[in-house]
Protein backbone atom coordinates (compact mmCIF):
# COMPACT_ATOMS: atom_id res chain seq x y z
CA MET A 1 34.91 -36.18 63.24
CA GLU A 2 35.01 -33.03 65.29
CA GLU A 3 32.34 -31.44 63.03
CA LEU A 4 30.23 -34.42 63.38
CA ASP A 5 30.62 -34.35 67.23
CA ALA A 6 29.62 -30.86 67.30
CA ARG A 7 26.56 -31.44 65.27
CA TRP A 8 25.61 -34.46 67.37
CA GLY A 9 26.15 -32.57 70.55
CA ASN A 10 29.31 -34.45 71.98
CA GLN A 11 30.36 -32.01 74.55
CA GLU A 12 31.43 -34.35 77.16
CA ARG A 13 35.03 -35.42 77.16
CA GLY A 14 36.67 -38.54 78.18
CA GLN A 15 39.79 -40.61 77.56
CA GLU A 16 40.26 -41.08 73.79
CA ILE A 17 39.88 -44.76 72.94
CA GLU A 18 39.88 -46.47 69.56
CA VAL A 19 36.92 -48.69 68.71
CA THR A 20 36.36 -51.24 66.12
CA LEU A 21 32.71 -51.54 64.85
CA LEU A 22 31.36 -54.14 62.56
CA PHE A 23 28.20 -52.97 60.70
CA SER A 24 25.36 -54.81 58.77
CA PRO A 25 25.77 -54.60 54.99
CA ARG A 26 22.30 -52.86 54.93
CA LEU A 27 23.68 -49.81 56.52
CA ARG A 28 26.43 -49.25 53.78
CA VAL A 29 25.37 -45.75 52.85
CA ARG A 30 24.60 -44.56 56.37
CA VAL A 31 27.96 -45.80 57.62
CA GLU A 32 29.92 -44.39 54.61
CA GLU A 33 28.15 -40.96 55.14
CA THR A 34 28.76 -41.04 58.91
CA PHE A 35 32.42 -42.23 59.10
CA GLY A 36 33.66 -41.48 55.39
CA ALA A 37 34.08 -43.92 52.76
CA GLU A 38 37.79 -43.96 53.14
CA ARG A 39 37.62 -45.29 56.70
CA VAL A 40 35.17 -48.07 55.80
CA GLU A 41 36.54 -51.38 55.04
CA MET A 42 34.23 -53.64 53.05
CA ARG A 43 34.43 -57.43 54.05
CA GLU A 44 33.87 -60.40 51.90
CA ASP A 45 30.38 -61.07 53.49
CA GLY A 46 29.38 -57.40 52.75
CA SER A 47 29.81 -56.36 56.38
CA LEU A 48 31.57 -53.01 57.06
CA LEU A 49 34.52 -52.73 59.44
CA VAL A 50 35.28 -49.33 61.00
CA ARG A 51 37.90 -48.15 63.32
CA SER A 52 37.61 -44.78 64.84
CA SER A 53 38.54 -42.96 68.05
CA TYR A 54 36.10 -41.39 70.35
CA PRO A 55 36.27 -40.05 73.98
CA ASP A 56 35.11 -42.72 76.32
CA ASN A 57 31.76 -41.21 77.46
CA ARG A 58 28.04 -41.46 77.32
CA TRP A 59 27.79 -39.83 73.76
CA MET A 60 29.96 -42.64 72.31
CA TYR A 61 27.86 -45.41 74.02
CA GLY A 62 24.87 -43.59 72.74
CA MET A 63 26.06 -43.53 69.21
CA ILE A 64 26.89 -47.11 69.25
CA LEU A 65 23.46 -48.02 70.75
CA GLY A 66 21.78 -45.90 68.10
CA TYR A 67 22.68 -48.49 65.33
CA GLY A 68 20.76 -51.11 67.15
CA PRO A 69 21.41 -54.70 66.20
CA ASP A 70 22.99 -53.62 62.95
CA VAL A 71 26.49 -52.98 64.79
CA ARG A 72 28.79 -55.14 66.89
CA VAL A 73 31.73 -53.74 68.98
CA LEU A 74 34.63 -55.96 68.22
CA GLU A 75 37.32 -53.93 70.19
CA PRO A 76 37.96 -52.99 72.89
CA ALA A 77 36.46 -55.88 74.95
CA ALA A 78 35.43 -53.48 77.71
CA VAL A 79 33.46 -51.26 75.39
CA ALA A 80 31.51 -54.40 73.91
CA ALA A 81 30.95 -55.39 77.56
CA LYS A 82 29.52 -52.13 78.49
CA ILE A 83 27.18 -52.07 75.33
CA ARG A 84 25.92 -55.61 76.25
CA ALA A 85 25.11 -54.48 79.81
CA MET A 86 23.32 -51.56 78.61
CA GLY A 87 21.41 -53.55 76.02
CA ALA A 88 20.37 -55.97 78.91
CA GLN A 89 19.19 -52.98 80.88
CA ILE A 90 17.08 -51.59 78.26
CA ALA A 91 15.55 -55.06 77.37
CA ALA A 92 14.77 -55.36 81.29
CA ILE A 93 12.80 -52.06 81.37
CA TYR A 94 10.56 -53.51 78.49
CA GLU A 95 10.19 -57.03 80.32
CA ASP A 96 9.09 -55.15 83.46
CA ALA A 97 6.51 -53.03 81.39
CA GLU A 98 5.33 -56.21 79.61
CA GLU A 99 4.90 -57.89 83.17
CA ALA A 100 2.95 -54.88 84.37
CA ALA A 101 0.85 -54.67 81.55
CA SER A 102 0.01 -58.33 81.74
CA MET A 103 -0.81 -58.04 85.50
CA SER A 104 -3.08 -55.00 84.66
CA ASN A 105 -4.95 -56.91 81.80
CA ALA A 106 -5.59 -59.75 84.16
CA ALA A 107 -6.77 -57.71 86.89
CA ALA A 108 -9.21 -55.90 84.43
CA GLN A 109 -10.54 -59.19 83.13
CA ARG A 110 -11.34 -60.26 86.74
CA THR A 111 -13.10 -57.04 87.55
CA ASN A 112 -15.19 -57.30 84.23
CA SER A 113 -16.04 -61.04 85.10
């Protein structure tokens, strides 16, 4: 994992924590290449369970978010809660953008009328 951290730019340090991640079956090749096939537990439903340790820092959260809706943090609960909060913040950015675009379009239509 140190080689992977170096390639991905994980220079920030934090307290090391173990995370348990559940991945969608469609990411099998990517997950096996990233974490190593020996660290991937295949579940009956085809999902992939991975336990790995990382420094508790922005890089780790970015790495997890990079898998989008194809990963779920099972443990620890604090990491899952932070990912959920970050996802909500991301969604809010786009809700605000949609609202602004809608208002802009309505104003343009009134001007053209």
